[in-house]
């Protein structure tokens, strides 16, 4: 936690404490001694607190109010003499300690074993199946296992080595947040932070978790900050512990802006358009170069519609990337539609609806087609379509060169895809906006430049339509290249083909 300094209530000589304490931040918030000899002080329950005679209850209230984090004893005998009484008063055992144990605590955060154990129990009893430990809280705490919580799968962000025993807690450990940017969790756990840092973390985790959990110590401003900004949350559930509160902050989410674009390059039967589910919209790919069909076109705003003869459907995908803000976005073709049915015979009532797609995306990151079985590799299939092996070699080497310039770590995936016969189909997918944006940023960082170079090398504009599409035969499989390199939860659905189109 940023700027955290533990507050100590000291039992023992202050000069001795300073001489023995290690290099660590702390603040002595008070001094306590116990009145009487041996166990005589138990008779009237009196203590000396900062030089004044007080009752035990005052000591308890001081800790519960956030005035102190730890009661630390210089002397082991003093610790042993009063420990049982303090535990009987309700003090957590991990808040009463010797100076040696205090020196052994982690210096970079505030840890409460009792509160951490309580959190594990809450997670088990709440409908959170997955949790991301953003600041490696459990890796630094004194928990070694999840206890009896066998329901919550926990991943972790941690750049440093951790004790091997922590594998009992975590399913997977990522080096940084960007490594799991496309994963979605039921909740994310962040360390206690300054209010402004908490607000930034809450926003940063917008696409990763719908609930953010944090710990706010009594007397620290984070808890009051969250209470003062409740309007920003759908709700905040609070679970109190001895030294602070676990705060479950639920994200306020507007209704999803959902849209499936039906990509077409020519007119097709109005009957199909009229029977599409709500939130399906036809888009004319290549409207800048083909006869107007009366549909929404990909030729407005920031667009590459003029390249459609060489790129096919990705001119419409580019337009949607640059000119829309849908939170859920997808693409199908005028004659190809997703269905949850195992029977891929076309029927209007079997076309995937908004409600069905959103339900799937609660568990998965992206909906794609089932993997077709073909005899040829993709490269061989392209050679058959173009009927010119040399042109295919030129196109592949040019695209690969531009990929190597911008994303050399994707070369192995590129080679794998075009030597494979086991890939998803033709830019038909549905996903969340952050994933869509990430894919388009990657694809268009190199592919448009590659096509422009190919147009200088090869006279594609003077060739038959099926040869002009040479770059498009590669582009329609670039989604496969990207999916191979990114850890997404993929849901495959069948595609229904409209007969006669």
Protein backbone atom coordinates (compact mmCIF):
# COMPACT_ATOMS: atom_id res chain seq x y z
CA UNK A 1 0.00 0.00 0.00
CA UNK A 2 1.35 3.40 -0.93
CA UNK A 3 2.80 5.25 2.07
CA UNK A 4 1.71 2.71 4.69
CA UNK A 5 3.54 2.91 8.04
CA UNK A 6 2.39 0.45 10.75
CA UNK A 7 1.43 2.01 14.08
CA UNK A 8 2.96 0.29 17.10
CA UNK A 9 1.73 0.16 20.68
CA UNK A 10 4.94 -0.67 22.52
CA UNK A 11 5.31 -2.66 25.71
CA UNK A 12 8.90 -2.14 26.79
CA UNK A 13 11.67 0.41 26.78
CA UNK A 14 11.53 2.70 23.76
CA UNK A 15 15.31 3.11 23.52
CA UNK A 16 15.76 -0.65 23.53
CA UNK A 17 13.11 -1.02 20.81
CA UNK A 18 14.84 1.50 18.56
CA UNK A 19 18.21 -0.20 19.09
CA UNK A 20 16.86 -3.62 18.12
CA UNK A 21 14.32 -2.90 15.39
CA UNK A 22 15.39 -3.58 11.82
CA UNK A 23 15.41 -1.27 8.82
CA UNK A 24 11.67 -0.89 8.39
CA UNK A 25 9.02 1.84 8.52
CA UNK A 26 7.00 2.16 11.74
CA UNK A 27 5.46 4.70 14.09
CA UNK A 28 5.18 4.28 17.84
CA UNK A 29 1.61 5.37 18.49
CA UNK A 30 1.67 4.75 22.24
CA UNK A 31 3.24 2.86 25.13
CA UNK A 32 1.60 0.41 27.49
CA UNK A 33 2.61 -1.36 30.68
CA UNK A 34 0.69 -3.67 32.96
CA UNK A 35 0.03 -2.66 36.56
CA UNK A 36 0.98 -5.09 39.32
CA UNK A 37 3.37 -7.95 39.87
CA UNK A 38 3.01 -11.30 38.13
CA UNK A 39 -0.65 -11.95 37.52
CA UNK A 40 -1.93 -9.55 40.17
CA UNK A 41 -2.86 -7.05 37.45
CA UNK A 42 -5.62 -9.43 36.41
CA UNK A 43 -7.53 -8.65 39.57
CA UNK A 44 -8.62 -5.16 38.62
CA UNK A 45 -7.85 -5.11 34.87
CA UNK A 46 -5.82 -1.94 35.00
CA UNK A 47 -3.08 -0.91 32.61
CA UNK A 48 -0.83 2.10 32.17
CA UNK A 49 -1.54 3.55 28.72
CA UNK A 50 0.69 6.45 27.74
CA UNK A 51 1.32 7.17 31.42
CA UNK A 52 -2.35 7.09 32.49
CA UNK A 53 -4.08 4.32 34.39
CA UNK A 54 -6.69 2.79 32.09
CA UNK A 55 -8.90 -0.28 31.77
CA UNK A 56 -8.27 -3.15 29.38
CA UNK A 57 -11.27 -2.06 27.36
CA UNK A 58 -9.48 1.17 26.49
CA UNK A 59 -6.64 -0.85 25.00
CA UNK A 60 -9.08 -2.85 22.91
CA UNK A 61 -10.89 0.26 21.70
CA UNK A 62 -7.60 1.88 20.75
CA UNK A 63 -6.75 -1.01 18.44
CA UNK A 64 -10.23 -1.48 17.03
CA UNK A 65 -10.48 2.21 16.22
CA UNK A 66 -7.42 2.06 14.01
CA UNK A 67 -5.14 3.79 16.50
CA UNK A 68 -2.67 0.90 16.42
CA UNK A 69 -1.86 -2.00 14.11
CA UNK A 70 0.31 -4.13 16.39
CA UNK A 71 0.96 -4.54 20.11
CA UNK A 72 4.70 -5.29 20.27
CA UNK A 73 6.62 -6.59 23.30
CA UNK A 74 10.36 -6.13 23.76
CA UNK A 75 10.43 -8.92 26.33
CA UNK A 76 9.27 -12.47 25.65
CA UNK A 77 8.33 -13.04 29.31
CA UNK A 78 6.02 -10.01 29.30
CA UNK A 79 4.47 -11.28 26.07
CA UNK A 80 3.84 -14.75 27.53
CA UNK A 81 2.41 -13.30 30.73
CA UNK A 82 -0.40 -11.26 29.16
CA UNK A 83 -0.96 -12.92 25.80
CA UNK A 84 -3.72 -15.23 27.02
CA UNK A 85 -5.62 -12.39 28.67
CA UNK A 86 -5.46 -10.24 25.55
CA UNK A 87 -6.65 -13.10 23.35
CA UNK A 88 -9.52 -13.59 25.77
CA UNK A 89 -10.45 -9.96 25.24
CA UNK A 90 -10.79 -10.60 21.52
CA UNK A 91 -7.42 -9.45 20.20
CA UNK A 92 -6.44 -11.38 17.01
CA UNK A 93 -3.41 -13.52 17.77
CA UNK A 94 -1.50 -12.07 14.80
CA UNK A 95 -1.77 -8.53 16.26
CA UNK A 96 0.10 -9.35 19.47
CA UNK A 97 3.76 -10.15 18.93
CA UNK A 98 7.34 -9.94 20.06
CA UNK A 99 9.80 -7.47 18.54
CA UNK A 100 11.50 -10.34 16.70
CA UNK A 101 8.27 -11.36 15.01
CA UNK A 102 7.48 -7.77 14.12
CA UNK A 103 10.86 -7.48 12.39
CA UNK A 104 10.04 -10.60 10.37
CA UNK A 105 6.79 -9.15 8.93
CA UNK A 106 6.72 -7.97 5.29
CA UNK A 107 7.64 -4.30 5.07
CA UNK A 108 5.77 -3.36 1.92
CA UNK A 109 2.17 -3.90 3.00
CA UNK A 110 -0.31 -4.32 5.79
CA UNK A 111 -1.21 -7.94 6.43
CA UNK A 112 -3.80 -9.39 8.73
CA UNK A 113 -3.91 -13.18 8.84
CA UNK A 114 -7.28 -13.20 10.55
CA UNK A 115 -8.75 -10.87 7.90
CA UNK A 116 -7.18 -12.88 5.05
CA UNK A 117 -8.68 -16.11 6.41
CA UNK A 118 -12.02 -14.32 6.70
CA UNK A 119 -11.76 -13.19 3.06
CA UNK A 120 -11.22 -16.76 1.86
CA UNK A 121 -14.39 -17.80 3.66
CA UNK A 122 -16.35 -14.92 2.09
CA UNK A 123 -15.11 -15.86 -1.38
CA UNK A 124 -16.26 -19.43 -0.89
CA UNK A 125 -19.74 -18.33 0.17
CA UNK A 126 -20.17 -15.77 -2.62
CA UNK A 127 -20.75 -16.60 -6.32
CA UNK A 128 -17.16 -15.76 -7.30
CA UNK A 129 -15.63 -18.64 -9.21
CA UNK A 130 -12.57 -16.69 -10.41
CA UNK A 131 -10.42 -14.03 -8.72
CA UNK A 132 -7.38 -12.06 -9.88
CA UNK A 133 -4.95 -11.13 -7.09
CA UNK A 134 -3.63 -7.98 -8.76
CA UNK A 135 -1.02 -6.94 -6.19
CA UNK A 136 0.05 -10.46 -5.11
CA UNK A 137 -1.60 -9.92 -1.73
CA UNK A 138 -1.74 -13.59 -0.80
CA UNK A 139 1.80 -14.18 -2.09
CA UNK A 140 3.08 -11.68 0.49
CA UNK A 141 0.70 -12.63 3.30
CA UNK A 142 1.07 -15.42 5.84
CA UNK A 143 -1.52 -17.67 4.18
CA UNK A 144 -0.09 -20.82 2.61
CA UNK A 145 -3.31 -22.41 1.33
CA UNK A 146 -6.88 -21.43 0.55
CA UNK A 147 -8.03 -23.27 3.64
CA UNK A 148 -11.42 -24.81 2.99
CA UNK A 149 -12.13 -22.66 -0.07
CA UNK A 150 -12.12 -25.18 -2.89
CA UNK A 151 -14.47 -23.13 -5.10
CA UNK A 152 -12.53 -20.00 -6.09
CA UNK A 153 -9.88 -20.21 -8.78
CA UNK A 154 -7.25 -17.55 -8.04
CA UNK A 155 -4.71 -16.11 -10.49
CA UNK A 156 -1.98 -13.68 -9.50
CA UNK A 157 0.05 -10.77 -10.89
CA UNK A 158 3.59 -11.04 -9.52
CA UNK A 159 6.87 -10.12 -11.20
CA UNK A 160 8.99 -11.54 -8.37
CA UNK A 161 9.65 -15.06 -7.16
CA UNK A 162 7.33 -16.41 -4.50
CA UNK A 163 7.48 -19.35 -2.15
CA UNK A 164 6.64 -22.61 -3.96
CA UNK A 165 4.05 -23.39 -1.29
CA UNK A 166 1.96 -20.50 -2.62
CA UNK A 167 1.07 -22.78 -5.52
CA UNK A 168 -1.58 -24.06 -3.12
CA UNK A 169 -3.32 -20.71 -3.55
CA UNK A 170 -2.80 -19.81 -7.19
CA UNK A 171 -3.81 -21.46 -10.44
CA UNK A 172 -1.61 -19.24 -12.59
CA UNK A 173 0.89 -16.44 -12.01
CA UNK A 174 1.34 -13.66 -14.58
CA UNK A 175 4.33 -11.33 -14.68
CA UNK A 176 2.22 -8.22 -15.32
CA UNK A 177 -1.36 -7.13 -15.87
CA UNK A 178 -1.02 -6.91 -19.64
CA UNK A 179 -0.27 -10.65 -19.74
CA UNK A 180 -3.86 -11.39 -18.74
CA UNK A 181 -5.55 -8.36 -20.32
CA UNK A 182 -8.09 -10.42 -22.26
CA UNK A 183 -9.13 -12.66 -19.37
CA UNK A 184 -12.25 -11.81 -17.42
CA UNK A 185 -12.66 -12.55 -13.70
CA UNK A 186 -15.63 -12.46 -11.36
CA UNK A 187 -13.59 -10.27 -9.01
CA UNK A 188 -10.18 -8.65 -8.62
CA UNK A 189 -8.33 -8.15 -5.33
CA UNK A 190 -6.15 -5.06 -4.92
CA UNK A 191 -4.01 -4.01 -1.98
CA UNK A 192 -5.11 -1.13 0.23
CA UNK A 193 -4.22 2.11 -1.54
CA UNK A 194 -4.45 5.85 -1.30
CA UNK A 195 -7.90 6.95 -2.57
CA UNK A 196 -6.60 8.36 -5.88
CA UNK A 197 -4.61 5.17 -6.51
CA UNK A 198 -7.68 3.06 -5.75
CA UNK A 199 -9.74 5.06 -8.26
CA UNK A 200 -7.09 4.54 -10.96
CA UNK A 201 -6.90 0.81 -10.26
CA UNK A 202 -10.69 0.50 -10.35
CA UNK A 203 -10.76 2.08 -13.82
CA UNK A 204 -7.76 0.05 -15.04
CA UNK A 205 -9.58 -3.18 -14.16
CA UNK A 206 -12.76 -2.18 -16.01
CA UNK A 207 -12.50 -4.91 -18.63
CA UNK A 208 -11.04 -7.52 -16.29
CA UNK A 209 -13.42 -7.72 -13.33
CA UNK A 210 -16.93 -6.55 -12.43
CA UNK A 211 -16.12 -6.50 -8.69
CA UNK A 212 -13.03 -5.00 -7.05
CA UNK A 213 -12.15 -6.10 -3.51
CA UNK A 214 -9.90 -4.11 -1.21
CA UNK A 215 -9.09 -3.86 2.50
CA UNK A 216 -9.55 -0.56 4.37
CA UNK A 217 -8.05 -0.28 7.84
CA UNK A 218 -9.96 1.56 10.53
CA UNK A 219 -8.71 5.11 10.71
CA UNK A 220 -7.36 5.07 7.15
CA UNK A 221 -9.04 7.32 4.57
CA UNK A 222 -9.75 4.69 1.88
CA UNK A 223 -12.89 3.40 3.61
CA UNK A 224 -14.33 6.89 3.98
CA UNK A 225 -13.42 7.70 0.38
CA UNK A 226 -15.33 4.69 -0.93
CA UNK A 227 -18.35 5.57 1.24
CA UNK A 228 -18.25 9.15 -0.03
CA UNK A 229 -18.30 8.00 -3.67
CA UNK A 230 -20.97 5.28 -3.49
CA UNK A 231 -22.70 6.82 -6.50
CA UNK A 232 -19.88 5.42 -8.67
CA UNK A 233 -20.66 1.82 -7.69
CA UNK A 234 -23.66 -0.42 -8.23
CA UNK A 235 -23.22 -1.41 -4.57
CA UNK A 236 -20.52 -1.88 -1.94
CA UNK A 237 -20.66 -4.83 0.44
CA UNK A 238 -18.66 -4.44 3.66
CA UNK A 239 -17.36 -7.26 5.84
CA UNK A 240 -15.80 -6.09 9.09
CA UNK A 241 -12.73 -7.64 10.73
CA UNK A 242 -10.93 -6.66 13.93
CA UNK A 243 -8.58 -4.16 12.27
CA UNK A 244 -10.44 -3.10 9.15
CA UNK A 245 -13.06 -3.85 6.53
CA UNK A 246 -13.15 -5.90 3.36
CA UNK A 247 -14.95 -3.77 0.82
CA UNK A 248 -16.51 -5.47 -2.25
CA UNK A 249 -17.06 -2.69 -4.81
CA UNK A 250 -19.46 -3.71 -7.59
CA UNK A 251 -18.98 -1.90 -10.87
CA UNK A 252 -21.90 0.10 -12.21
CA UNK A 253 -22.34 -1.12 -15.77
CA UNK A 254 -24.66 0.36 -18.39
CA UNK A 255 -26.59 -2.00 -20.68
CA UNK A 256 -24.36 -3.58 -23.29
CA UNK A 257 -24.27 -1.81 -26.66
CA UNK A 258 -24.55 -4.94 -28.78
CA UNK A 259 -24.27 -5.11 -32.59
CA UNK A 260 -23.69 -7.86 -35.14
CA UNK A 261 -22.73 -6.57 -38.58
CA UNK A 262 -23.86 -8.71 -41.52
CA UNK A 263 -21.18 -8.14 -44.17
CA UNK A 264 -22.37 -8.10 -47.77
CA UNK A 265 -20.83 -6.97 -51.05
CA UNK A 266 -24.03 -7.21 -53.12
CA UNK A 267 -27.79 -7.15 -52.73
CA UNK A 268 -29.38 -10.22 -51.18
CA UNK A 269 -33.02 -11.15 -50.48
CA UNK A 270 -35.00 -8.65 -48.36
CA UNK A 271 -36.69 -11.63 -46.74
CA UNK A 272 -33.42 -12.48 -44.98
CA UNK A 273 -32.87 -8.89 -43.79
CA UNK A 274 -36.43 -8.61 -42.49
CA UNK A 275 -36.10 -11.83 -40.48
CA UNK A 276 -32.75 -11.08 -38.81
CA UNK A 277 -32.80 -10.80 -35.00
CA UNK A 278 -32.75 -7.39 -33.36
CA UNK A 279 -29.26 -5.79 -33.24
CA UNK A 280 -28.20 -7.27 -36.58
CA UNK A 281 -27.29 -4.65 -39.20
CA UNK A 282 -26.23 -5.16 -42.82
CA UNK A 283 -23.06 -3.35 -43.91
CA UNK A 284 -21.95 -2.97 -47.53
CA UNK A 285 -18.23 -3.83 -47.72
CA UNK A 286 -16.56 -1.96 -50.55
CA UNK A 287 -19.34 0.56 -51.06
CA UNK A 288 -16.77 3.08 -52.34
CA UNK A 289 -16.05 0.93 -55.40
CA UNK A 290 -19.23 -1.09 -55.99
CA UNK A 291 -22.80 -0.18 -56.95
CA UNK A 292 -24.78 1.18 -54.01
CA UNK A 293 -27.06 -1.51 -52.54
CA UNK A 294 -28.90 0.82 -50.20
CA UNK A 295 -27.24 -0.57 -47.08
CA UNK A 296 -25.02 1.09 -44.49
CA UNK A 297 -21.59 1.43 -46.14
CA UNK A 298 -17.99 1.14 -45.03
CA UNK A 299 -17.08 4.30 -46.99
CA UNK A 300 -17.76 7.00 -44.36
CA UNK A 301 -15.49 8.47 -41.72
CA UNK A 302 -12.07 6.85 -41.36
CA UNK A 303 -12.23 4.02 -43.91
CA UNK A 304 -10.35 1.82 -46.39
CA UNK A 305 -13.40 0.93 -48.49
CA UNK A 306 -11.46 1.56 -51.74
CA UNK A 307 -9.21 -1.41 -50.94
CA UNK A 308 -12.12 -3.86 -50.76
CA UNK A 309 -11.38 -5.64 -54.08
CA UNK A 310 -8.13 -6.79 -52.47
CA UNK A 311 -9.26 -7.16 -48.83
CA UNK A 312 -12.88 -8.40 -48.82
CA UNK A 313 -14.65 -8.23 -45.45
CA UNK A 314 -11.92 -6.55 -43.44
CA UNK A 315 -12.73 -3.15 -44.96
CA UNK A 316 -16.04 -3.39 -43.06
CA UNK A 317 -14.20 -4.55 -39.92
CA UNK A 318 -11.84 -1.57 -40.22
CA UNK A 319 -14.81 0.79 -40.54
CA UNK A 320 -16.48 -0.66 -37.44
CA UNK A 321 -13.22 -0.34 -35.50
CA UNK A 322 -12.76 3.31 -36.39
CA UNK A 323 -16.35 4.53 -36.44
CA UNK A 324 -18.34 2.69 -33.73
CA UNK A 325 -18.24 2.27 -29.95
CA UNK A 326 -20.26 -0.92 -29.44
CA UNK A 327 -19.26 -2.71 -26.22
CA UNK A 328 -20.07 -6.08 -27.80
CA UNK A 329 -19.40 -6.39 -31.52
CA UNK A 330 -19.55 -9.21 -34.01
CA UNK A 331 -19.51 -10.08 -37.69
CA UNK A 332 -21.19 -12.66 -39.88
CA UNK A 333 -21.78 -12.84 -43.63
CA UNK A 334 -24.97 -12.32 -45.59
CA UNK A 335 -25.09 -16.06 -46.19
CA UNK A 336 -23.38 -17.36 -43.00
CA UNK A 337 -24.90 -17.06 -39.50
CA UNK A 338 -24.08 -18.38 -36.02
CA UNK A 339 -26.38 -20.93 -34.41
CA UNK A 340 -26.35 -22.84 -31.13
CA UNK A 341 -28.09 -25.73 -32.84
CA UNK A 342 -26.18 -28.87 -33.69
CA UNK A 343 -28.22 -29.00 -36.88
CA UNK A 344 -26.68 -26.46 -39.29
CA UNK A 345 -29.67 -26.50 -41.66
CA UNK A 346 -30.65 -22.86 -42.10
CA UNK A 347 -33.71 -21.51 -40.26
CA UNK A 348 -34.37 -17.92 -39.18
CA UNK A 349 -35.42 -18.89 -35.66
CA UNK A 350 -32.05 -20.60 -35.10
CA UNK A 351 -29.91 -17.49 -35.75
CA UNK A 352 -27.97 -16.57 -32.60
CA UNK A 353 -29.74 -13.81 -30.64
CA UNK A 354 -28.34 -10.99 -28.54
CA UNK A 355 -29.49 -12.69 -25.32
CA UNK A 356 -27.88 -16.00 -26.24
CA UNK A 357 -24.62 -14.33 -27.29
CA UNK A 358 -24.38 -12.29 -24.06
CA UNK A 359 -24.99 -15.39 -21.99
CA UNK A 360 -22.10 -17.14 -23.77
CA UNK A 361 -19.83 -14.12 -23.30
CA UNK A 362 -20.40 -14.27 -19.54
CA UNK A 363 -18.21 -17.40 -19.63
CA UNK A 364 -16.15 -16.92 -22.79
CA UNK A 365 -14.09 -14.13 -24.33
CA UNK A 366 -14.95 -14.70 -27.97
CA UNK A 367 -17.42 -16.66 -30.09
CA UNK A 368 -15.99 -18.15 -33.27
CA UNK A 369 -16.91 -20.77 -35.83
CA UNK A 370 -16.31 -24.46 -35.44
CA UNK A 371 -13.06 -25.59 -37.04
CA UNK A 372 -13.72 -26.97 -40.53
CA UNK A 373 -11.97 -30.05 -41.83
CA UNK A 374 -10.11 -29.49 -45.06
CA UNK A 375 -7.63 -31.67 -46.93
CA UNK A 376 -5.21 -28.95 -48.04
CA UNK A 377 -3.11 -26.56 -46.00
CA UNK A 378 -4.28 -22.95 -46.15
CA UNK A 379 -1.36 -22.07 -48.40
CA UNK A 380 -2.31 -24.87 -50.81
CA UNK A 381 -5.95 -23.73 -50.74
CA UNK A 382 -4.88 -20.20 -51.66
CA UNK A 383 -2.74 -21.58 -54.50
CA UNK A 384 -5.78 -23.44 -55.81
CA UNK A 385 -7.93 -20.30 -55.65
CA UNK A 386 -5.38 -18.04 -57.35
CA UNK A 387 -3.91 -20.70 -59.69
CA UNK A 388 -0.51 -19.03 -59.58
CA UNK A 389 2.01 -20.41 -57.08
CA UNK A 390 4.57 -17.64 -57.69
CA UNK A 391 2.03 -14.90 -56.89
CA UNK A 392 1.14 -16.68 -53.64
CA UNK A 393 4.82 -16.86 -52.68
CA UNK A 394 5.24 -13.13 -53.33
CA UNK A 395 2.15 -12.27 -51.29
CA UNK A 396 3.13 -14.48 -48.37
CA UNK A 397 6.70 -13.18 -48.21
CA UNK A 398 5.51 -9.56 -48.40
CA UNK A 399 2.92 -9.97 -45.64
CA UNK A 400 5.39 -11.92 -43.52
CA UNK A 401 7.99 -9.16 -43.96
CA UNK A 402 5.61 -6.50 -42.65
CA UNK A 403 4.53 -8.74 -39.79
CA UNK A 404 8.18 -9.27 -38.86
CA UNK A 405 8.71 -5.50 -38.87
CA UNK A 406 5.85 -4.80 -36.46
CA UNK A 407 5.25 -8.02 -34.51
CA UNK A 408 8.14 -10.51 -34.90
CA UNK A 409 6.80 -12.58 -32.01
CA UNK A 410 3.86 -13.58 -34.25
CA UNK A 411 5.95 -15.16 -37.02
CA UNK A 412 5.73 -18.69 -35.62
CA UNK A 413 1.95 -18.40 -35.38
CA UNK A 414 1.78 -17.04 -38.96
CA UNK A 415 3.80 -19.98 -40.30
CA UNK A 416 1.76 -22.43 -38.26
CA UNK A 417 -1.56 -21.16 -39.63
CA UNK A 418 -0.63 -21.23 -43.31
CA UNK A 419 0.89 -24.69 -42.97
CA UNK A 420 -2.23 -25.90 -41.18
CA UNK A 421 -5.59 -27.24 -42.29
CA UNK A 422 -7.18 -26.77 -38.86
CA UNK A 423 -8.31 -23.16 -38.36
CA UNK A 424 -11.41 -21.03 -37.73
CA UNK A 425 -13.43 -19.54 -40.55
CA UNK A 426 -13.31 -16.18 -42.37
CA UNK A 427 -13.51 -13.36 -39.79
CA UNK A 428 -16.80 -14.50 -38.31
CA UNK A 429 -16.77 -13.79 -34.57
CA UNK A 430 -18.42 -11.96 -31.63
CA UNK A 431 -16.42 -10.45 -28.78
CA UNK A 432 -16.04 -7.61 -26.29
CA UNK A 433 -14.79 -4.22 -27.40
CA UNK A 434 -11.39 -4.35 -25.71
CA UNK A 435 -10.58 -7.62 -27.45
CA UNK A 436 -11.87 -6.34 -30.80
CA UNK A 437 -9.79 -3.16 -30.47
CA UNK A 438 -6.67 -5.12 -29.58
CA UNK A 439 -7.08 -7.40 -32.60
CA UNK A 440 -7.69 -4.53 -35.03
CA UNK A 441 -4.76 -2.54 -33.65
CA UNK A 442 -2.54 -5.54 -34.31
CA UNK A 443 -3.95 -6.43 -37.77
CA UNK A 444 -4.00 -2.98 -39.30
CA UNK A 445 -0.58 -2.05 -37.96
CA UNK A 446 0.97 -4.08 -40.79
CA UNK A 447 -1.58 -5.53 -43.20
CA UNK A 448 -2.60 -2.35 -45.04
CA UNK A 449 1.06 -1.48 -45.64
CA UNK A 450 1.62 -5.02 -46.95
CA UNK A 451 -1.30 -4.69 -49.40
CA UNK A 452 -0.10 -1.32 -50.67
CA UNK A 453 3.31 -2.82 -51.35
CA UNK A 454 1.72 -5.79 -53.14
CA UNK A 455 -0.21 -3.38 -55.39
CA UNK A 456 3.12 -1.89 -56.45
CA UNK A 457 4.71 -5.30 -57.07
CA UNK A 458 1.79 -7.07 -58.76
CA UNK A 459 -0.70 -5.62 -61.28
CA UNK A 460 -3.65 -6.94 -59.24
CA UNK A 461 -6.07 -4.26 -60.45
CA UNK A 462 -5.69 -5.55 -64.02
CA UNK A 463 -6.30 -9.20 -63.09
CA UNK A 464 -9.52 -11.20 -62.82
CA UNK A 465 -11.53 -10.72 -59.63
CA UNK A 466 -10.48 -14.05 -58.16
CA UNK A 467 -6.80 -13.06 -58.48
CA UNK A 468 -7.37 -9.54 -57.19
CA UNK A 469 -8.49 -11.20 -53.97
CA UNK A 470 -5.03 -12.68 -53.34
CA UNK A 471 -4.33 -10.48 -50.24
CA UNK A 472 -7.86 -11.21 -49.00
CA UNK A 473 -7.21 -14.95 -49.02
CA UNK A 474 -4.45 -14.23 -46.50
CA UNK A 475 -6.34 -11.56 -44.55
CA UNK A 476 -9.32 -13.78 -43.78
CA UNK A 477 -7.04 -16.08 -41.80
CA UNK A 478 -5.09 -13.44 -39.87
CA UNK A 479 -7.60 -13.78 -37.05
CA UNK A 480 -6.34 -17.32 -36.61
CA UNK A 481 -2.77 -16.03 -36.28
CA UNK A 482 -3.83 -13.60 -33.57
CA UNK A 483 -5.92 -16.13 -31.64
CA UNK A 484 -3.03 -18.58 -31.46
CA UNK A 485 -0.89 -15.99 -29.67
CA UNK A 486 -3.50 -14.78 -27.18
CA UNK A 487 -4.96 -16.63 -24.25
CA UNK A 488 -8.71 -16.34 -24.85
CA UNK A 489 -11.58 -18.52 -23.74
CA UNK A 490 -13.00 -19.51 -27.14
CA UNK A 491 -16.55 -20.73 -27.71
CA UNK A 492 -17.09 -22.46 -31.05
CA UNK A 493 -20.54 -22.39 -32.64
CA UNK A 494 -21.89 -23.90 -35.82
CA UNK A 495 -22.47 -21.80 -38.90
CA UNK A 496 -25.69 -22.04 -40.93
CA UNK A 497 -25.28 -21.42 -44.65
CA UNK A 498 -28.24 -19.82 -46.41
CA UNK A 499 -29.09 -22.11 -49.33
CA UNK A 500 -28.86 -20.70 -52.84
CA UNK A 501 -26.59 -17.72 -52.01
